[in-house]
Amino acid sequence: MQKKTKATHRTKRTANARRRQRKATHRRGVYSMQGIFSSCRRRTLWIGALAVVALYIWAFYYFFVGPFGFRWRAIYGEPKYPGGYEIRGIDISHYQGDINWTLLQNAMIEKCPVRFIMIKGTEGSTRIDPYFEENFRQAREYGFIRGVYHFWSNKSSARDQAYFFLNKVKLQSGDLPPVLDVEHKPKDVSVEDFRRDILTWLHIVEDRYHVKPIIYTYHKFKMSYLSDPVFDDYPYWIAHYYVDEVKYNGPWKFWQHTDAGRLPGIKGYVDFNIYNGSYYDLKQLTIPK
């Protein structure tokens, strides 16, 4: 009985040891699998993080760097402006502050002299640019072909704005036709009524100077609201920034291609423009004697 009991205990100890060994092996397997899964999770997290970073870089380039490459180069590097045009100009307002006209007189854009200057005159039916009279006088004295634009406001009537412009701005022979800068349509006005208002301003001003006023706007706005054939006879000044060429397929006279130009005599940035024609053509466009 004693021997049998000892043998039985040895057998039980052996069985227990085997069970402990199996459990340890199982735990090692579990831990090994957990390690593998943990490693996979870490790898997945790293891949996901890199994908997110890559997406942010792409989005930043696509939405900010790509469309505004010209502006970035103008601000941070050597700018490259559209080629193939000889007649260059700028437009100015109170944003440019005091101008050194002696320095500006000899300024060059893409090795071409500045030929014309568009000057902000009025806005709405009550506001006149505080630098208008000085800029208007100096532009002619320093030999530039000058033009004056009115900034359209949705807060006053077309007639009030037209007569305010005519009262404050006295264009002369040799000046470019008056310009209507229109960039916003009121939400509570239909497209037909908006076009009628624009035509009212144009007709009133045209009756005074007997030349077709120039319409300034960006190309998408024109296609959305001013694409009616009644506007086809008016010279078009297109605003389309940071592109190598104008995407608009219709006829245009002027192209404002950047708002980040730099010139001697002007502190800060200034808009650069191109005239689509020769210097003779530009002179022919001006108000006759």
C-alpha atoms as a PDB file:
ATOM      1  CA  MET A   1       0.000   0.000   0.000  1.00  0.00           C
ATOM      2  CA  GLN A   2       2.832   2.366   0.824  1.00  0.00           C
ATOM      3  CA  LYS A   3       4.640   1.744  -2.501  1.00  0.00           C
ATOM      4  CA  LYS A   4       1.462   2.154  -4.461  1.00  0.00           C
ATOM      5  CA  THR A   5       0.808   5.462  -2.771  1.00  0.00           C
ATOM      6  CA  LYS A   6       4.295   6.781  -3.613  1.00  0.00           C
ATOM      7  CA  ALA A   7       3.928   5.708  -7.234  1.00  0.00           C
ATOM      8  CA  THR A   8       0.588   7.384  -7.414  1.00  0.00           C
ATOM      9  CA  HIS A   9       2.054  10.618  -6.035  1.00  0.00           C
ATOM     10  CA  ARG A  10       4.899  10.503  -8.548  1.00  0.00           C
ATOM     11  CA  THR A  11       2.403  10.039 -11.347  1.00  0.00           C
ATOM     12  CA  LYS A  12       0.323  12.952 -10.122  1.00  0.00           C
ATOM     13  CA  ARG A  13       3.434  15.156  -9.826  1.00  0.00           C
ATOM     14  CA  THR A  14       4.463  14.232 -13.332  1.00  0.00           C
ATOM     15  CA  ALA A  15       1.014  14.999 -14.673  1.00  0.00           C
ATOM     16  CA  ASN A  16       0.944  18.319 -12.825  1.00  0.00           C
ATOM     17  CA  ALA A  17       4.346  19.196 -14.205  1.00  0.00           C
ATOM     18  CA  ARG A  18       3.211  18.403 -17.723  1.00  0.00           C
ATOM     19  CA  ARG A  19       0.114  20.537 -17.231  1.00  0.00           C
ATOM     20  CA  ARG A  20       2.265  23.427 -15.947  1.00  0.00           C
ATOM     21  CA  GLN A  21       4.563  22.982 -18.915  1.00  0.00           C
ATOM     22  CA  ARG A  22       1.621  23.018 -21.312  1.00  0.00           C
ATOM     23  CA  LYS A  23       0.244  26.145 -19.634  1.00  0.00           C
ATOM     24  CA  ALA A  24       3.634  27.869 -19.831  1.00  0.00           C
ATOM     25  CA  THR A  25       3.938  26.918 -23.475  1.00  0.00           C
ATOM     26  CA  HIS A  26       0.437  28.205 -24.096  1.00  0.00           C
ATOM     27  CA  ARG A  27       1.241  31.461 -22.297  1.00  0.00           C
ATOM     28  CA  ARG A  28       4.407  31.886 -24.345  1.00  0.00           C
ATOM     29  CA  GLY A  29       2.357  31.316 -27.472  1.00  0.00           C
ATOM     30  CA  VAL A  30      -0.237  33.799 -26.360  1.00  0.00           C
ATOM     31  CA  TYR A  31       2.425  36.356 -25.483  1.00  0.00           C
ATOM     32  CA  SER A  32       4.123  35.729 -28.796  1.00  0.00           C
ATOM     33  CA  MET A  33       0.872  36.281 -30.673  1.00  0.00           C
ATOM     34  CA  GLN A  34       0.182  39.388 -28.602  1.00  0.00           C
ATOM     35  CA  GLY A  35       3.631  40.684 -29.504  1.00  0.00           C
ATOM     36  CA  ILE A  36       2.982  40.042 -33.148  1.00  0.00           C
ATOM     37  CA  PHE A  37      -0.392  41.785 -32.982  1.00  0.00           C
ATOM     38  CA  SER A  38       1.138  44.686 -31.014  1.00  0.00           C
ATOM     39  CA  SER A  39       3.900  45.038 -33.580  1.00  0.00           C
ATOM     40  CA  CYS A  40       1.331  45.008 -36.389  1.00  0.00           C
ATOM     41  CA  ARG A  41      -0.728  47.655 -34.621  1.00  0.00           C
ATOM     42  CA  ARG A  42       2.329  49.862 -34.178  1.00  0.00           C
ATOM     43  CA  ARG A  43       3.243  49.413 -37.818  1.00  0.00           C
ATOM     44  CA  THR A  44      -0.327  50.228 -38.868  1.00  0.00           C
ATOM     45  CA  LEU A  45      -0.333  53.352 -36.707  1.00  0.00           C
ATOM     46  CA  TRP A  46       2.960  54.506 -38.244  1.00  0.00           C
ATOM     47  CA  ILE A  47       1.670  53.891 -41.753  1.00  0.00           C
ATOM     48  CA  GLY A  48      -1.558  55.741 -40.925  1.00  0.00           C
ATOM     49  CA  ALA A  49       0.350  58.668 -39.432  1.00  0.00           C
ATOM     50  CA  LEU A  50       2.617  58.908 -42.487  1.00  0.00           C
ATOM     51  CA  ALA A  51      -0.434  58.760 -44.765  1.00  0.00           C
ATOM     52  CA  VAL A  52      -2.073  61.620 -42.835  1.00  0.00           C
ATOM     53  CA  VAL A  53       1.107  63.718 -43.060  1.00  0.00           C
ATOM     54  CA  ALA A  54       1.379  63.011 -46.779  1.00  0.00           C
ATOM     55  CA  LEU A  55      -2.272  64.002 -47.234  1.00  0.00           C
ATOM     56  CA  TYR A  56      -1.726  67.271 -45.388  1.00  0.00           C
ATOM     57  CA  ILE A  57       1.330  68.072 -47.491  1.00  0.00           C
ATOM     58  CA  TRP A  58      -0.559  67.344 -50.699  1.00  0.00           C
ATOM     59  CA  ALA A  59      -3.578  69.404 -49.618  1.00  0.00           C
ATOM     60  CA  PHE A  60      -1.370  72.318 -48.583  1.00  0.00           C
ATOM     61  CA  TYR A  61       0.387  72.316 -51.923  1.00  0.00           C
ATOM     62  CA  TYR A  62      -2.780  71.785 -53.953  1.00  0.00           C
ATOM     63  CA  PHE A  63      -4.882  74.485 -52.276  1.00  0.00           C
ATOM     64  CA  PHE A  64      -2.256  77.027 -51.233  1.00  0.00           C
ATOM     65  CA  VAL A  65       1.029  76.641 -53.099  1.00  0.00           C
ATOM     66  CA  GLY A  66      -0.158  75.449 -56.499  1.00  0.00           C
ATOM     67  CA  PRO A  67      -2.829  78.069 -57.260  1.00  0.00           C
ATOM     68  CA  PHE A  68      -0.709  80.865 -55.826  1.00  0.00           C
ATOM     69  CA  GLY A  69       2.700  79.899 -57.114  1.00  0.00           C
ATOM     70  CA  PHE A  70       3.248  83.310 -58.694  1.00  0.00           C
ATOM     71  CA  ARG A  71       2.443  85.044 -55.421  1.00  0.00           C
ATOM     72  CA  TRP A  72       4.817  82.815 -53.455  1.00  0.00           C
ATOM     73  CA  ARG A  73       7.610  83.493 -55.933  1.00  0.00           C
ATOM     74  CA  ALA A  74       6.849  87.217 -55.884  1.00  0.00           C
ATOM     75  CA  ILE A  75       7.019  87.314 -52.094  1.00  0.00           C
ATOM     76  CA  TYR A  76       9.747  84.772 -51.330  1.00  0.00           C
ATOM     77  CA  GLY A  77      11.723  84.390 -54.514  1.00  0.00           C
ATOM     78  CA  GLU A  78      12.324  85.572 -58.037  1.00  0.00           C
ATOM     79  CA  PRO A  79       8.915  86.235 -59.643  1.00  0.00           C
ATOM     80  CA  LYS A  80       8.075  85.048 -63.120  1.00  0.00           C
ATOM     81  CA  TYR A  81       5.380  87.010 -64.909  1.00  0.00           C
ATOM     82  CA  PRO A  82       3.499  86.185 -68.129  1.00  0.00           C
ATOM     83  CA  GLY A  83       5.606  86.712 -71.208  1.00  0.00           C
ATOM     84  CA  GLY A  84       4.795  87.760 -74.739  1.00  0.00           C
ATOM     85  CA  TYR A  85       3.363  91.188 -73.817  1.00  0.00           C
ATOM     86  CA  GLU A  86       5.110  94.540 -74.145  1.00  0.00           C
ATOM     87  CA  ILE A  87       2.620  97.001 -72.685  1.00  0.00           C
ATOM     88  CA  ARG A  88       2.710  96.862 -68.892  1.00  0.00           C
ATOM     89  CA  GLY A  89       0.920  98.887 -66.251  1.00  0.00           C
ATOM     90  CA  ILE A  90      -0.204  99.025 -62.638  1.00  0.00           C
ATOM     91  CA  ASP A  91      -3.262 100.058 -60.651  1.00  0.00           C
ATOM     92  CA  ILE A  92      -3.023 102.062 -57.436  1.00  0.00           C
ATOM     93  CA  SER A  93      -5.153 103.380 -54.589  1.00  0.00           C
ATOM     94  CA  HIS A  94      -4.701 104.530 -51.006  1.00  0.00           C
ATOM     95  CA  TYR A  95      -3.276 101.090 -50.235  1.00  0.00           C
ATOM     96  CA  GLN A  96      -0.012 102.118 -51.910  1.00  0.00           C
ATOM     97  CA  GLY A  97       0.260 105.244 -49.759  1.00  0.00           C
ATOM     98  CA  ASP A  98       2.709 107.975 -50.767  1.00  0.00           C
ATOM     99  CA  ILE A  99       4.443 107.184 -54.053  1.00  0.00           C
ATOM    100  CA  ASN A 100       7.883 108.353 -55.129  1.00  0.00           C
ATOM    101  CA  TRP A 101       6.960 109.259 -58.683  1.00  0.00           C
ATOM    102  CA  THR A 102      10.524 110.037 -59.712  1.00  0.00           C
ATOM    103  CA  LEU A 103      11.549 106.448 -58.988  1.00  0.00           C
ATOM    104  CA  LEU A 104       8.360 105.020 -60.448  1.00  0.00           C
ATOM    105  CA  GLN A 105       8.868 106.924 -63.703  1.00  0.00           C
ATOM    106  CA  ASN A 106      11.826 104.692 -64.620  1.00  0.00           C
ATOM    107  CA  ALA A 107      10.385 101.416 -63.262  1.00  0.00           C
ATOM    108  CA  MET A 108      10.391  98.324 -65.465  1.00  0.00           C
ATOM    109  CA  ILE A 109       8.285  95.159 -65.488  1.00  0.00           C
ATOM    110  CA  GLU A 110       9.851  92.256 -67.362  1.00  0.00           C
ATOM    111  CA  LYS A 111      12.248  94.744 -69.010  1.00  0.00           C
ATOM    112  CA  CYS A 112       9.278  96.810 -70.231  1.00  0.00           C
ATOM    113  CA  PRO A 113       8.507 100.329 -68.998  1.00  0.00           C
ATOM    114  CA  VAL A 114       5.330 101.035 -67.073  1.00  0.00           C
ATOM    115  CA  ARG A 115       3.049 102.634 -69.674  1.00  0.00           C
ATOM    116  CA  PHE A 116      -0.287 103.068 -67.939  1.00  0.00           C
ATOM    117  CA  ILE A 117      -1.652 103.505 -64.415  1.00  0.00           C
ATOM    118  CA  MET A 118      -5.204 102.778 -63.311  1.00  0.00           C
ATOM    119  CA  ILE A 119      -6.186 104.897 -60.293  1.00  0.00           C
ATOM    120  CA  LYS A 120      -8.996 104.327 -57.842  1.00  0.00           C
ATOM    121  CA  GLY A 121     -11.308 107.335 -57.869  1.00  0.00           C
ATOM    122  CA  THR A 122     -14.613 106.643 -56.143  1.00  0.00           C
ATOM    123  CA  GLU A 123     -16.601 103.971 -54.360  1.00  0.00           C
ATOM    124  CA  GLY A 124     -20.347 103.800 -54.003  1.00  0.00           C
ATOM    125  CA  SER A 125     -22.086 107.169 -53.916  1.00  0.00           C
ATOM    126  CA  THR A 126     -20.171 108.855 -51.082  1.00  0.00           C
ATOM    127  CA  ARG A 127     -16.544 107.737 -50.942  1.00  0.00           C
ATOM    128  CA  ILE A 128     -13.591 109.156 -52.819  1.00  0.00           C
ATOM    129  CA  ASP A 129     -10.154 107.624 -52.489  1.00  0.00           C
ATOM    130  CA  PRO A 130      -8.051 109.921 -50.259  1.00  0.00           C
ATOM    131  CA  TYR A 131      -5.049 109.625 -52.617  1.00  0.00           C
ATOM    132  CA  PHE A 132      -7.030 110.052 -55.823  1.00  0.00           C
ATOM    133  CA  GLU A 133      -6.359 113.703 -56.608  1.00  0.00           C
ATOM    134  CA  GLU A 134      -2.628 113.401 -55.909  1.00  0.00           C
ATOM    135  CA  ASN A 135      -2.270 110.178 -57.891  1.00  0.00           C
ATOM    136  CA  PHE A 136      -4.388 111.517 -60.743  1.00  0.00           C
ATOM    137  CA  ARG A 137      -2.289 114.674 -61.068  1.00  0.00           C
ATOM    138  CA  GLN A 138       1.098 113.008 -60.687  1.00  0.00           C
ATOM    139  CA  ALA A 139       0.377 110.221 -63.166  1.00  0.00           C
ATOM    140  CA  ARG A 140      -0.049 112.705 -66.001  1.00  0.00           C
ATOM    141  CA  GLU A 141       2.849 114.915 -64.915  1.00  0.00           C
ATOM    142  CA  TYR A 142       5.212 111.955 -65.031  1.00  0.00           C
ATOM    143  CA  GLY A 143       4.093 110.862 -68.475  1.00  0.00           C
ATOM    144  CA  PHE A 144       1.908 107.840 -67.756  1.00  0.00           C
ATOM    145  CA  ILE A 145      -1.325 107.073 -69.562  1.00  0.00           C
ATOM    146  CA  ARG A 146      -3.844 107.212 -66.755  1.00  0.00           C
ATOM    147  CA  GLY A 147      -7.252 105.728 -66.119  1.00  0.00           C
ATOM    148  CA  VAL A 148      -9.689 105.987 -63.218  1.00  0.00           C
ATOM    149  CA  TYR A 149     -11.955 103.309 -61.816  1.00  0.00           C
ATOM    150  CA  HIS A 150     -15.107 103.388 -59.755  1.00  0.00           C
ATOM    151  CA  PHE A 151     -15.597 100.580 -57.230  1.00  0.00           C
ATOM    152  CA  TRP A 152     -19.178  99.327 -57.420  1.00  0.00           C
ATOM    153  CA  SER A 153     -21.178  99.181 -54.198  1.00  0.00           C
ATOM    154  CA  ASN A 154     -24.362  97.219 -53.599  1.00  0.00           C
ATOM    155  CA  LYS A 155     -25.491  99.768 -50.997  1.00  0.00           C
ATOM    156  CA  SER A 156     -26.436 102.598 -53.368  1.00  0.00           C
ATOM    157  CA  SER A 157     -28.216 102.935 -56.696  1.00  0.00           C
ATOM    158  CA  ALA A 158     -26.522 102.762 -60.068  1.00  0.00           C
ATOM    159  CA  ARG A 159     -27.603 106.314 -60.929  1.00  0.00           C
ATOM    160  CA  ASP A 160     -26.279 107.769 -57.674  1.00  0.00           C
ATOM    161  CA  GLN A 161     -22.972 106.009 -58.172  1.00  0.00           C
ATOM    162  CA  ALA A 162     -22.631 107.097 -61.802  1.00  0.00           C
ATOM    163  CA  TYR A 163     -23.318 110.772 -61.063  1.00  0.00           C
ATOM    164  CA  PHE A 164     -21.047 110.706 -58.033  1.00  0.00           C
ATOM    165  CA  PHE A 165     -18.241 109.386 -60.220  1.00  0.00           C
ATOM    166  CA  LEU A 166     -18.861 112.032 -62.885  1.00  0.00           C
ATOM    167  CA  ASN A 167     -18.942 114.753 -60.246  1.00  0.00           C
ATOM    168  CA  LYS A 168     -15.626 113.769 -58.644  1.00  0.00           C
ATOM    169  CA  VAL A 169     -13.614 112.502 -61.630  1.00  0.00           C
ATOM    170  CA  LYS A 170     -12.817 114.795 -64.545  1.00  0.00           C
ATOM    171  CA  LEU A 171     -11.174 112.752 -67.254  1.00  0.00           C
ATOM    172  CA  GLN A 172      -9.388 114.498 -70.102  1.00  0.00           C
ATOM    173  CA  SER A 173      -8.410 113.656 -73.648  1.00  0.00           C
ATOM    174  CA  GLY A 174      -5.565 111.155 -73.603  1.00  0.00           C
ATOM    175  CA  ASP A 175      -6.941 109.409 -70.524  1.00  0.00           C
ATOM    176  CA  LEU A 176      -8.251 105.872 -70.723  1.00  0.00           C
ATOM    177  CA  PRO A 177     -12.039 105.409 -70.680  1.00  0.00           C
ATOM    178  CA  PRO A 178     -13.690 105.353 -67.254  1.00  0.00           C
ATOM    179  CA  VAL A 179     -13.636 101.985 -65.519  1.00  0.00           C
ATOM    180  CA  LEU A 180     -16.352 100.221 -63.540  1.00  0.00           C
ATOM    181  CA  ASP A 181     -14.887  97.769 -61.017  1.00  0.00           C
ATOM    182  CA  VAL A 182     -17.668  95.304 -60.196  1.00  0.00           C
ATOM    183  CA  GLU A 183     -16.944  92.219 -58.101  1.00  0.00           C
ATOM    184  CA  HIS A 184     -20.065  91.483 -56.044  1.00  0.00           C
ATOM    185  CA  LYS A 185     -23.744  90.915 -56.785  1.00  0.00           C
ATOM    186  CA  PRO A 186     -26.340  91.499 -54.057  1.00  0.00           C
ATOM    187  CA  LYS A 187     -27.947  88.278 -52.911  1.00  0.00           C
ATOM    188  CA  ASP A 188     -31.449  89.748 -52.924  1.00  0.00           C
ATOM    189  CA  VAL A 189     -31.259  91.037 -56.516  1.00  0.00           C
ATOM    190  CA  SER A 190     -31.908  88.861 -59.555  1.00  0.00           C
ATOM    191  CA  VAL A 191     -29.279  88.504 -62.265  1.00  0.00           C
ATOM    192  CA  GLU A 192     -31.507  90.392 -64.717  1.00  0.00           C
ATOM    193  CA  ASP A 193     -31.965  93.352 -62.362  1.00  0.00           C
ATOM    194  CA  PHE A 194     -28.264  93.344 -61.514  1.00  0.00           C
ATOM    195  CA  ARG A 195     -27.332  93.500 -65.190  1.00  0.00           C
ATOM    196  CA  ARG A 196     -29.811  96.331 -65.671  1.00  0.00           C
ATOM    197  CA  ASP A 197     -28.157  98.291 -62.855  1.00  0.00           C
ATOM    198  CA  ILE A 198     -24.702  97.780 -64.333  1.00  0.00           C
ATOM    199  CA  LEU A 199     -25.934  98.940 -67.733  1.00  0.00           C
ATOM    200  CA  THR A 200     -27.467 102.026 -66.129  1.00  0.00           C
ATOM    201  CA  TRP A 201     -24.067 103.068 -64.750  1.00  0.00           C
ATOM    202  CA  LEU A 202     -22.346 102.322 -68.047  1.00  0.00           C
ATOM    203  CA  HIS A 203     -24.869 104.260 -70.138  1.00  0.00           C
ATOM    204  CA  ILE A 204     -24.812 107.356 -67.923  1.00  0.00           C
ATOM    205  CA  VAL A 205     -21.020 107.534 -67.934  1.00  0.00           C
ATOM    206  CA  GLU A 206     -20.818 106.732 -71.642  1.00  0.00           C
ATOM    207  CA  ASP A 207     -23.169 109.600 -72.437  1.00  0.00           C
ATOM    208  CA  ARG A 208     -20.774 112.017 -70.719  1.00  0.00           C
ATOM    209  CA  TYR A 209     -17.506 110.886 -72.356  1.00  0.00           C
ATOM    210  CA  HIS A 210     -18.796 109.301 -75.576  1.00  0.00           C
ATOM    211  CA  VAL A 211     -16.577 106.248 -75.142  1.00  0.00           C
ATOM    212  CA  LYS A 212     -17.387 102.762 -73.925  1.00  0.00           C
ATOM    213  CA  PRO A 213     -16.398 102.387 -70.263  1.00  0.00           C
ATOM    214  CA  ILE A 214     -14.111  99.524 -69.324  1.00  0.00           C
ATOM    215  CA  ILE A 215     -15.532  96.732 -67.156  1.00  0.00           C
ATOM    216  CA  TYR A 216     -13.188  95.292 -64.536  1.00  0.00           C
ATOM    217  CA  THR A 217     -14.010  91.992 -62.870  1.00  0.00           C
ATOM    218  CA  TYR A 218     -12.654  88.475 -62.522  1.00  0.00           C
ATOM    219  CA  HIS A 219     -13.437  85.974 -65.245  1.00  0.00           C
ATOM    220  CA  LYS A 220     -15.709  83.679 -63.216  1.00  0.00           C
ATOM    221  CA  PHE A 221     -17.841  86.637 -62.151  1.00  0.00           C
ATOM    222  CA  LYS A 222     -18.204  87.765 -65.757  1.00  0.00           C
ATOM    223  CA  MET A 223     -19.207  84.299 -66.888  1.00  0.00           C
ATOM    224  CA  SER A 224     -21.753  84.045 -64.074  1.00  0.00           C
ATOM    225  CA  TYR A 225     -23.365  87.482 -64.214  1.00  0.00           C
ATOM    226  CA  LEU A 226     -22.094  89.578 -67.139  1.00  0.00           C
ATOM    227  CA  SER A 227     -22.053  87.074 -69.976  1.00  0.00           C
ATOM    228  CA  ASP A 228     -25.053  88.642 -71.695  1.00  0.00           C
ATOM    229  CA  PRO A 229     -24.312  89.877 -75.258  1.00  0.00           C
ATOM    230  CA  VAL A 230     -25.227  93.454 -74.212  1.00  0.00           C
ATOM    231  CA  PHE A 231     -21.810  93.641 -72.500  1.00  0.00           C
ATOM    232  CA  ASP A 232     -19.801  92.361 -75.466  1.00  0.00           C
ATOM    233  CA  ASP A 233     -19.085  95.843 -76.815  1.00  0.00           C
ATOM    234  CA  TYR A 234     -17.401  97.000 -73.612  1.00  0.00           C
ATOM    235  CA  PRO A 235     -13.647  96.604 -73.141  1.00  0.00           C
ATOM    236  CA  TYR A 236     -12.906  93.964 -70.556  1.00  0.00           C
ATOM    237  CA  TRP A 237     -10.241  94.211 -67.843  1.00  0.00           C
ATOM    238  CA  ILE A 238      -9.866  90.709 -66.445  1.00  0.00           C
ATOM    239  CA  ALA A 239      -8.509  89.818 -63.019  1.00  0.00           C
ATOM    240  CA  HIS A 240      -6.929  86.369 -63.098  1.00  0.00           C
ATOM    241  CA  TYR A 241      -4.035  85.866 -60.689  1.00  0.00           C
ATOM    242  CA  TYR A 242      -1.062  83.494 -60.555  1.00  0.00           C
ATOM    243  CA  VAL A 243      -1.517  81.762 -63.892  1.00  0.00           C
ATOM    244  CA  ASP A 244       0.747  81.554 -66.937  1.00  0.00           C
ATOM    245  CA  GLU A 245      -2.009  82.552 -69.313  1.00  0.00           C
ATOM    246  CA  VAL A 246      -5.562  83.839 -69.243  1.00  0.00           C
ATOM    247  CA  LYS A 247      -8.074  80.992 -69.087  1.00  0.00           C
ATOM    248  CA  TYR A 248     -10.931  83.196 -70.261  1.00  0.00           C
ATOM    249  CA  ASN A 249     -11.735  82.511 -73.922  1.00  0.00           C
ATOM    250  CA  GLY A 250     -13.490  85.796 -74.725  1.00  0.00           C
ATOM    251  CA  PRO A 251     -11.880  89.053 -75.889  1.00  0.00           C
ATOM    252  CA  TRP A 252     -10.110  91.197 -73.290  1.00  0.00           C
ATOM    253  CA  LYS A 253      -8.086  94.413 -73.266  1.00  0.00           C
ATOM    254  CA  PHE A 254      -6.371  94.361 -69.866  1.00  0.00           C
ATOM    255  CA  TRP A 255      -5.204  91.547 -67.624  1.00  0.00           C
ATOM    256  CA  GLN A 256      -4.486  92.027 -63.928  1.00  0.00           C
ATOM    257  CA  HIS A 257      -2.231  89.032 -63.353  1.00  0.00           C
ATOM    258  CA  THR A 258      -0.820  89.538 -59.846  1.00  0.00           C
ATOM    259  CA  ASP A 259      -1.386  91.562 -56.693  1.00  0.00           C
ATOM    260  CA  ALA A 260       2.142  90.959 -55.397  1.00  0.00           C
ATOM    261  CA  GLY A 261       4.232  93.134 -57.700  1.00  0.00           C
ATOM    262  CA  ARG A 262       7.179  95.176 -56.486  1.00  0.00           C
ATOM    263  CA  LEU A 263       8.387  98.419 -58.035  1.00  0.00           C
ATOM    264  CA  PRO A 264      10.783 101.189 -57.001  1.00  0.00           C
ATOM    265  CA  GLY A 265       8.874 104.165 -55.646  1.00  0.00           C
ATOM    266  CA  ILE A 266       6.056 102.091 -54.140  1.00  0.00           C
ATOM    267  CA  LYS A 267       6.165 100.665 -50.648  1.00  0.00           C
ATOM    268  CA  GLY A 268       4.646  97.230 -50.385  1.00  0.00           C
ATOM    269  CA  TYR A 269       2.884  95.337 -53.128  1.00  0.00           C
ATOM    270  CA  VAL A 270       1.108  96.661 -56.195  1.00  0.00           C
ATOM    271  CA  ASP A 271      -1.090  95.066 -58.872  1.00  0.00           C
ATOM    272  CA  PHE A 272       0.578  94.377 -62.210  1.00  0.00           C
ATOM    273  CA  ASN A 273      -1.393  94.587 -65.446  1.00  0.00           C
ATOM    274  CA  ILE A 274      -0.934  93.821 -69.125  1.00  0.00           C
ATOM    275  CA  TYR A 275      -2.496  95.493 -72.134  1.00  0.00           C
ATOM    276  CA  ASN A 276      -3.453  93.079 -74.885  1.00  0.00           C
ATOM    277  CA  GLY A 277      -2.154  95.043 -77.853  1.00  0.00           C
ATOM    278  CA  SER A 278       0.437  97.528 -78.989  1.00  0.00           C
ATOM    279  CA  TYR A 279       1.255 100.914 -77.539  1.00  0.00           C
ATOM    280  CA  TYR A 280      -0.431 102.473 -80.568  1.00  0.00           C
ATOM    281  CA  ASP A 281      -3.587 100.477 -79.817  1.00  0.00           C
ATOM    282  CA  LEU A 282      -3.503 101.653 -76.224  1.00  0.00           C
ATOM    283  CA  LYS A 283      -3.289 105.279 -77.343  1.00  0.00           C
ATOM    284  CA  GLN A 284      -6.196 104.723 -79.717  1.00  0.00           C
ATOM    285  CA  LEU A 285      -8.297 103.452 -76.832  1.00  0.00           C
ATOM    286  CA  THR A 286      -7.982 106.733 -74.912  1.00  0.00           C
ATOM    287  CA  ILE A 287     -10.544 109.532 -74.862  1.00  0.00           C
ATOM    288  CA  PRO A 288     -10.189 111.597 -78.056  1.00  0.00           C
ATOM    289  CA  LYS A 289      -9.817 115.359 -78.209  1.00  0.00           C
END
